[in-house]
């Protein structure tokens, strides 16, 4: 039996800003852009990983969610408290320079971590944290 990651989801509150970040700053390709009942889902992924996709979805896209739950998620997003993803890169410093030059909000500049990677971190336009790691040689 084989199990692989296929999709992961990141909540975004403005798909156009998210696209400018994920497509233009990170270089991910847009694979799908779907609207349904006033909501929008955009799927992006690395050209080098055709079987793995990130779905940029509306916050709390569950139609059965209560107004209280929707408010709670909006407040967590505003604080940057929702987790994002960790990307692997072969050059952490170059990745940092590219994303910084594109206007990415820096959380952490590149640094060597005691657990064997060099990494940096940014927030996307919705406040999600994204880390970029490079194994140390």
N, C-alpha and C. Protein backbone atom coordinates (compact mmCIF):
# COMPACT_ATOMS: atom_id res chain seq x y z
N UNK A 1 0.85 -1.18 0.00
CA UNK A 1 0.00 0.00 0.00
C UNK A 1 0.89 1.23 0.00
N UNK A 2 0.55 2.19 -0.84
CA UNK A 2 1.33 3.42 -0.95
C UNK A 2 0.44 4.61 -0.58
N UNK A 3 0.96 5.47 0.27
CA UNK A 3 0.24 6.69 0.65
C UNK A 3 1.14 7.87 0.33
N UNK A 4 0.59 8.85 -0.39
CA UNK A 4 1.33 10.05 -0.77
C UNK A 4 0.50 11.28 -0.47
N UNK A 5 1.18 12.38 -0.22
CA UNK A 5 0.49 13.65 -0.08
C UNK A 5 0.01 14.10 -1.45
N UNK A 6 -1.23 14.50 -1.55
CA UNK A 6 -1.80 14.96 -2.80
C UNK A 6 -2.10 16.46 -2.74
N UNK A 7 -2.83 16.88 -1.69
CA UNK A 7 -3.22 18.28 -1.55
C UNK A 7 -3.13 18.69 -0.09
N UNK A 8 -2.81 19.95 0.12
CA UNK A 8 -2.96 20.56 1.43
C UNK A 8 -3.69 21.89 1.21
N UNK A 9 -4.29 22.42 2.26
CA UNK A 9 -5.15 23.59 2.14
C UNK A 9 -4.60 24.74 2.98
N UNK A 10 -4.65 25.93 2.40
CA UNK A 10 -4.26 27.15 3.09
C UNK A 10 -5.41 28.14 2.94
N UNK A 11 -5.88 28.67 4.05
CA UNK A 11 -6.96 29.66 4.02
C UNK A 11 -6.40 31.02 3.62
N UNK A 12 -7.05 31.64 2.66
CA UNK A 12 -6.68 32.99 2.23
C UNK A 12 -7.93 33.85 2.16
N UNK A 13 -7.77 35.12 2.47
CA UNK A 13 -8.93 36.01 2.45
C UNK A 13 -9.01 36.88 1.20
N UNK A 14 -7.99 36.81 0.34
CA UNK A 14 -7.99 37.57 -0.91
C UNK A 14 -7.21 36.74 -1.93
N UNK A 15 -7.93 36.06 -2.81
CA UNK A 15 -7.28 35.17 -3.76
C UNK A 15 -6.37 35.90 -4.74
N UNK A 16 -6.70 37.12 -5.12
CA UNK A 16 -5.84 37.85 -6.05
C UNK A 16 -4.50 38.18 -5.41
N UNK A 17 -4.52 38.62 -4.15
CA UNK A 17 -3.25 38.87 -3.44
C UNK A 17 -2.48 37.57 -3.23
N UNK A 18 -3.21 36.50 -2.90
CA UNK A 18 -2.56 35.19 -2.71
C UNK A 18 -1.90 34.72 -4.00
N UNK A 19 -2.59 34.91 -5.13
CA UNK A 19 -2.00 34.52 -6.42
C UNK A 19 -0.74 35.31 -6.73
N UNK A 20 -0.76 36.60 -6.46
CA UNK A 20 0.43 37.42 -6.69
C UNK A 20 1.60 36.89 -5.88
N UNK A 21 1.33 36.39 -4.69
CA UNK A 21 2.39 35.86 -3.84
C UNK A 21 2.81 34.46 -4.28
N UNK A 22 1.88 33.52 -4.33
CA UNK A 22 2.23 32.13 -4.61
C UNK A 22 2.70 31.90 -6.04
N UNK A 23 2.08 32.58 -6.99
CA UNK A 23 2.46 32.42 -8.39
C UNK A 23 3.67 33.28 -8.73
N UNK A 24 3.56 34.58 -8.43
CA UNK A 24 4.58 35.52 -8.90
C UNK A 24 5.83 35.54 -8.02
N UNK A 25 5.66 35.57 -6.71
CA UNK A 25 6.83 35.63 -5.82
C UNK A 25 7.47 34.26 -5.62
N UNK A 26 6.64 33.20 -5.44
CA UNK A 26 7.20 31.88 -5.19
C UNK A 26 7.47 31.10 -6.47
N UNK A 27 6.79 31.45 -7.56
CA UNK A 27 7.00 30.75 -8.82
C UNK A 27 6.19 29.47 -8.98
N UNK A 28 5.13 29.31 -8.18
CA UNK A 28 4.28 28.14 -8.32
C UNK A 28 3.35 28.33 -9.52
N UNK A 29 2.95 27.22 -10.12
CA UNK A 29 2.06 27.31 -11.27
C UNK A 29 0.62 27.17 -10.80
N UNK A 30 -0.28 27.87 -11.48
CA UNK A 30 -1.71 27.77 -11.19
C UNK A 30 -2.24 26.57 -11.95
N UNK A 31 -2.87 25.66 -11.22
CA UNK A 31 -3.39 24.44 -11.83
C UNK A 31 -4.91 24.45 -11.97
N UNK A 32 -5.58 25.21 -11.12
CA UNK A 32 -7.03 25.26 -11.18
C UNK A 32 -7.50 26.55 -10.50
N UNK A 33 -8.59 27.10 -10.98
CA UNK A 33 -9.18 28.30 -10.39
C UNK A 33 -10.70 28.14 -10.55
N UNK A 34 -11.36 27.82 -9.45
CA UNK A 34 -12.77 27.45 -9.50
C UNK A 34 -13.59 28.33 -8.56
N UNK A 35 -14.72 28.81 -9.05
CA UNK A 35 -15.67 29.53 -8.23
C UNK A 35 -16.92 28.68 -8.02
N UNK A 36 -17.49 28.79 -6.82
CA UNK A 36 -18.72 28.04 -6.54
C UNK A 36 -19.45 28.73 -5.40
N UNK A 37 -20.71 29.08 -5.62
CA UNK A 37 -21.56 29.70 -4.62
C UNK A 37 -20.88 30.88 -3.91
N UNK A 38 -20.28 31.75 -4.70
CA UNK A 38 -19.67 32.96 -4.16
C UNK A 38 -18.31 32.75 -3.52
N UNK A 39 -17.78 31.55 -3.58
CA UNK A 39 -16.45 31.27 -3.03
C UNK A 39 -15.52 30.88 -4.17
N UNK A 40 -14.22 30.88 -3.87
CA UNK A 40 -13.22 30.59 -4.89
C UNK A 40 -12.13 29.69 -4.31
N UNK A 41 -11.70 28.73 -5.10
CA UNK A 41 -10.59 27.85 -4.75
C UNK A 41 -9.57 27.93 -5.87
N UNK A 42 -8.31 28.20 -5.52
CA UNK A 42 -7.23 28.24 -6.50
C UNK A 42 -6.20 27.19 -6.09
N UNK A 43 -5.83 26.34 -7.03
CA UNK A 43 -4.86 25.30 -6.76
C UNK A 43 -3.54 25.68 -7.42
N UNK A 44 -2.46 25.63 -6.64
CA UNK A 44 -1.12 25.94 -7.14
C UNK A 44 -0.18 24.80 -6.78
N UNK A 45 0.94 24.73 -7.48
CA UNK A 45 1.93 23.71 -7.17
C UNK A 45 3.23 23.98 -7.87
N UNK A 46 4.26 23.30 -7.40
CA UNK A 46 5.59 23.42 -8.01
C UNK A 46 5.63 22.64 -9.31
N UNK A 47 6.21 23.21 -10.35
CA UNK A 47 6.35 22.47 -11.60
C UNK A 47 7.14 21.17 -11.43
N UNK A 48 7.99 21.10 -10.41
CA UNK A 48 8.79 19.90 -10.18
C UNK A 48 8.07 18.85 -9.34
N UNK A 49 6.87 19.16 -8.85
CA UNK A 49 6.06 18.22 -8.08
C UNK A 49 4.64 18.19 -8.62
N UNK A 50 4.44 17.58 -9.77
CA UNK A 50 3.12 17.60 -10.40
C UNK A 50 2.03 16.90 -9.58
N UNK A 51 2.38 16.03 -8.66
CA UNK A 51 1.38 15.31 -7.90
C UNK A 51 1.02 15.94 -6.57
N UNK A 52 1.60 17.09 -6.25
CA UNK A 52 1.32 17.76 -4.97
C UNK A 52 0.77 19.15 -5.25
N UNK A 53 -0.36 19.46 -4.61
CA UNK A 53 -1.01 20.76 -4.84
C UNK A 53 -1.34 21.44 -3.52
N UNK A 54 -1.29 22.76 -3.56
CA UNK A 54 -1.75 23.59 -2.44
C UNK A 54 -3.05 24.25 -2.89
N UNK A 55 -4.09 24.04 -2.12
CA UNK A 55 -5.38 24.64 -2.45
C UNK A 55 -5.54 25.90 -1.60
N UNK A 56 -5.64 27.03 -2.26
CA UNK A 56 -5.88 28.30 -1.58
C UNK A 56 -7.40 28.43 -1.48
N UNK A 57 -7.90 28.30 -0.29
CA UNK A 57 -9.35 28.23 -0.10
C UNK A 57 -9.85 29.38 0.76
N UNK A 58 -11.14 29.67 0.67
CA UNK A 58 -11.72 30.70 1.54
C UNK A 58 -11.60 30.26 3.01
N UNK A 59 -11.46 31.21 3.91
CA UNK A 59 -11.43 30.84 5.33
C UNK A 59 -12.72 30.15 5.72
N UNK A 60 -12.58 29.03 6.38
CA UNK A 60 -13.72 28.25 6.86
C UNK A 60 -14.76 28.09 5.75
N UNK A 61 -14.36 27.37 4.71
CA UNK A 61 -15.20 27.18 3.53
C UNK A 61 -16.38 26.24 3.77
N UNK A 62 -16.55 25.77 4.97
CA UNK A 62 -17.66 24.88 5.31
C UNK A 62 -18.97 25.66 5.34
N UNK A 63 -19.94 25.32 4.48
CA UNK A 63 -21.19 26.07 4.45
C UNK A 63 -22.01 25.92 5.74
N UNK A 64 -21.69 24.93 6.55
CA UNK A 64 -22.42 24.71 7.81
C UNK A 64 -21.77 25.40 9.00
N UNK A 65 -20.68 26.13 8.77
CA UNK A 65 -20.00 26.80 9.87
C UNK A 65 -20.87 27.92 10.43
N UNK A 66 -20.80 28.08 11.73
CA UNK A 66 -21.57 29.14 12.38
C UNK A 66 -20.90 30.49 12.19
N UNK A 67 -21.64 31.55 12.39
CA UNK A 67 -21.07 32.90 12.33
C UNK A 67 -19.97 33.06 13.38
N UNK A 68 -20.15 32.45 14.53
CA UNK A 68 -19.14 32.52 15.59
C UNK A 68 -17.85 31.85 15.14
N UNK A 69 -17.95 30.70 14.49
CA UNK A 69 -16.76 30.02 13.99
C UNK A 69 -16.07 30.84 12.90
N UNK A 70 -16.87 31.42 12.01
CA UNK A 70 -16.29 32.25 10.95
C UNK A 70 -15.54 33.45 11.53
N UNK A 71 -16.10 34.06 12.55
CA UNK A 71 -15.46 35.19 13.21
C UNK A 71 -14.16 34.76 13.89
N UNK A 72 -14.19 33.60 14.55
CA UNK A 72 -12.99 33.09 15.23
C UNK A 72 -11.85 32.85 14.23
N UNK A 73 -12.17 32.25 13.08
CA UNK A 73 -11.16 31.99 12.07
C UNK A 73 -10.62 33.32 11.50
N UNK A 74 -11.50 34.27 11.25
CA UNK A 74 -11.07 35.58 10.74
C UNK A 74 -10.12 36.26 11.73
N UNK A 75 -10.41 36.15 13.01
CA UNK A 75 -9.55 36.75 14.03
C UNK A 75 -8.19 36.05 14.09
N UNK A 76 -8.18 34.73 13.98
CA UNK A 76 -6.91 34.00 13.98
C UNK A 76 -6.08 34.35 12.75
N UNK A 77 -6.74 34.47 11.59
CA UNK A 77 -6.01 34.86 10.37
C UNK A 77 -5.41 36.24 10.53
N UNK A 78 -6.18 37.17 11.08
CA UNK A 78 -5.70 38.54 11.26
C UNK A 78 -4.46 38.59 12.16
N UNK A 79 -4.37 37.67 13.10
CA UNK A 79 -3.22 37.60 14.01
C UNK A 79 -2.06 36.80 13.43
N UNK A 80 -2.28 36.14 12.29
CA UNK A 80 -1.25 35.29 11.73
C UNK A 80 -1.06 34.00 12.49
N UNK A 81 -2.13 33.51 13.10
CA UNK A 81 -2.03 32.34 13.97
C UNK A 81 -2.31 31.01 13.26
N UNK A 82 -2.72 31.05 12.00
CA UNK A 82 -2.96 29.80 11.29
C UNK A 82 -1.64 29.33 10.67
N UNK A 83 -1.42 28.05 10.70
CA UNK A 83 -0.17 27.49 10.17
C UNK A 83 -0.24 27.41 8.66
N UNK A 84 0.89 27.49 8.03
CA UNK A 84 0.98 27.35 6.59
C UNK A 84 1.68 26.07 6.24
N UNK A 85 2.69 26.15 5.41
CA UNK A 85 3.42 24.97 4.96
C UNK A 85 4.92 25.22 5.05
N UNK A 86 5.67 24.13 4.93
CA UNK A 86 7.13 24.21 4.88
C UNK A 86 7.55 23.73 3.50
N UNK A 87 8.29 24.56 2.80
CA UNK A 87 8.82 24.23 1.49
C UNK A 87 10.28 23.82 1.62
N UNK A 88 10.72 22.91 0.78
CA UNK A 88 12.14 22.57 0.67
C UNK A 88 12.73 23.38 -0.46
N UNK A 89 13.96 23.84 -0.28
CA UNK A 89 14.66 24.59 -1.32
C UNK A 89 16.11 24.12 -1.37
N UNK A 90 16.74 24.25 -2.52
CA UNK A 90 18.15 23.88 -2.61
C UNK A 90 19.06 25.07 -2.32
N UNK A 91 18.47 26.27 -2.15
CA UNK A 91 19.27 27.46 -1.84
C UNK A 91 18.42 28.42 -1.01
N UNK A 92 18.51 28.29 0.29
CA UNK A 92 17.70 29.10 1.21
C UNK A 92 17.96 30.59 1.03
N UNK A 93 19.22 30.97 0.88
CA UNK A 93 19.56 32.39 0.77
C UNK A 93 19.01 33.00 -0.52
N UNK A 94 19.12 32.29 -1.63
CA UNK A 94 18.57 32.80 -2.89
C UNK A 94 17.05 32.86 -2.83
N UNK A 95 16.44 31.87 -2.21
CA UNK A 95 14.99 31.87 -2.05
C UNK A 95 14.57 33.08 -1.23
N UNK A 96 15.28 33.33 -0.15
CA UNK A 96 14.99 34.48 0.70
C UNK A 96 15.09 35.78 -0.09
N UNK A 97 16.14 35.93 -0.87
CA UNK A 97 16.33 37.15 -1.66
C UNK A 97 15.21 37.34 -2.67
N UNK A 98 14.80 36.26 -3.33
CA UNK A 98 13.74 36.35 -4.34
C UNK A 98 12.42 36.79 -3.71
N UNK A 99 12.05 36.14 -2.59
CA UNK A 99 10.77 36.45 -1.96
C UNK A 99 10.79 37.84 -1.33
N UNK A 100 11.92 38.21 -0.73
CA UNK A 100 12.06 39.55 -0.15
C UNK A 100 11.93 40.62 -1.22
N UNK A 101 12.60 40.40 -2.35
CA UNK A 101 12.56 41.37 -3.45
C UNK A 101 11.15 41.52 -4.01
N UNK A 102 10.34 40.45 -3.89
CA UNK A 102 8.96 40.49 -4.38
C UNK A 102 8.01 41.09 -3.35
N UNK A 103 8.55 41.52 -2.20
CA UNK A 103 7.73 42.17 -1.19
C UNK A 103 7.19 41.26 -0.12
N UNK A 104 7.71 40.03 -0.01
CA UNK A 104 7.25 39.11 1.02
C UNK A 104 7.52 39.64 2.42
N UNK A 105 6.57 39.41 3.34
CA UNK A 105 6.72 39.87 4.72
C UNK A 105 7.64 38.90 5.46
N UNK A 106 8.83 39.38 5.82
CA UNK A 106 9.85 38.55 6.45
C UNK A 106 9.51 38.31 7.92
N UNK A 107 9.54 37.05 8.32
CA UNK A 107 9.42 36.68 9.72
C UNK A 107 10.80 36.35 10.28
N UNK A 108 11.59 35.62 9.47
CA UNK A 108 12.93 35.22 9.90
C UNK A 108 13.87 35.20 8.70
N UNK A 109 14.99 35.86 8.82
CA UNK A 109 16.01 35.81 7.79
C UNK A 109 16.69 34.44 7.83
N UNK A 110 17.41 34.07 6.77
CA UNK A 110 18.05 32.76 6.75
C UNK A 110 19.00 32.57 7.95
N UNK A 111 18.87 31.40 8.56
CA UNK A 111 19.76 31.06 9.67
C UNK A 111 19.90 29.55 9.78
N UNK A 112 21.04 29.13 10.32
CA UNK A 112 21.27 27.71 10.56
C UNK A 112 20.56 27.32 11.84
N UNK A 113 19.80 26.23 11.76
CA UNK A 113 19.05 25.73 12.91
C UNK A 113 19.78 24.54 13.53
N UNK A 114 19.62 24.34 14.84
CA UNK A 114 20.32 23.22 15.50
C UNK A 114 19.82 21.85 15.05
N UNK A 115 18.69 21.80 14.35
CA UNK A 115 18.15 20.52 13.90
C UNK A 115 18.53 20.20 12.46
N UNK A 116 19.60 20.82 11.94
CA UNK A 116 20.19 20.40 10.68
C UNK A 116 19.73 21.05 9.41
N UNK A 117 19.04 22.17 9.48
CA UNK A 117 18.64 22.87 8.26
C UNK A 117 19.02 24.35 8.36
N UNK A 118 19.09 24.97 7.22
CA UNK A 118 19.15 26.43 7.12
C UNK A 118 17.76 26.81 6.64
N UNK A 119 17.13 27.77 7.32
CA UNK A 119 15.78 28.12 6.90
C UNK A 119 15.50 29.60 7.08
N UNK A 120 14.38 30.01 6.47
CA UNK A 120 13.87 31.37 6.59
C UNK A 120 12.35 31.27 6.61
N UNK A 121 11.69 32.36 6.97
CA UNK A 121 10.23 32.31 7.07
C UNK A 121 9.61 33.63 6.63
N UNK A 122 8.43 33.52 6.04
CA UNK A 122 7.65 34.66 5.57
C UNK A 122 6.20 34.47 5.97
N UNK A 123 5.42 35.55 5.87
CA UNK A 123 3.97 35.46 5.95
C UNK A 123 3.43 35.73 4.56
N UNK A 124 2.39 34.98 4.19
CA UNK A 124 1.73 35.28 2.93
C UNK A 124 0.77 36.44 3.17
N UNK A 125 0.12 36.95 2.13
CA UNK A 125 -0.76 38.12 2.31
C UNK A 125 -1.90 37.90 3.30
N UNK A 126 -2.28 36.63 3.56
CA UNK A 126 -3.35 36.35 4.52
C UNK A 126 -2.81 36.14 5.94
N UNK A 127 -1.49 36.17 6.10
CA UNK A 127 -0.90 36.01 7.43
C UNK A 127 -0.40 34.62 7.74
N UNK A 128 -0.53 33.67 6.81
CA UNK A 128 -0.06 32.31 7.03
C UNK A 128 1.47 32.28 7.02
N UNK A 129 2.05 31.49 7.93
CA UNK A 129 3.50 31.37 7.98
C UNK A 129 3.97 30.31 7.00
N UNK A 130 5.00 30.65 6.22
CA UNK A 130 5.62 29.73 5.29
C UNK A 130 7.11 29.68 5.60
N UNK A 131 7.64 28.48 5.75
CA UNK A 131 9.06 28.31 6.00
C UNK A 131 9.69 27.68 4.76
N UNK A 132 10.96 28.00 4.54
CA UNK A 132 11.72 27.49 3.41
C UNK A 132 13.00 26.89 3.98
N UNK A 133 13.16 25.58 3.83
CA UNK A 133 14.29 24.89 4.47
C UNK A 133 15.23 24.28 3.45
N UNK A 134 16.50 24.29 3.82
CA UNK A 134 17.56 23.69 3.01
C UNK A 134 18.38 22.82 3.94
N UNK A 135 18.52 21.52 3.66
CA UNK A 135 19.37 20.68 4.50
C UNK A 135 20.81 21.20 4.48
N UNK A 136 21.44 21.19 5.65
CA UNK A 136 22.85 21.61 5.70
C UNK A 136 23.74 20.44 5.29
N UNK A 137 24.79 20.77 4.60
CA UNK A 137 25.74 19.72 4.16
C UNK A 137 26.72 19.39 5.26
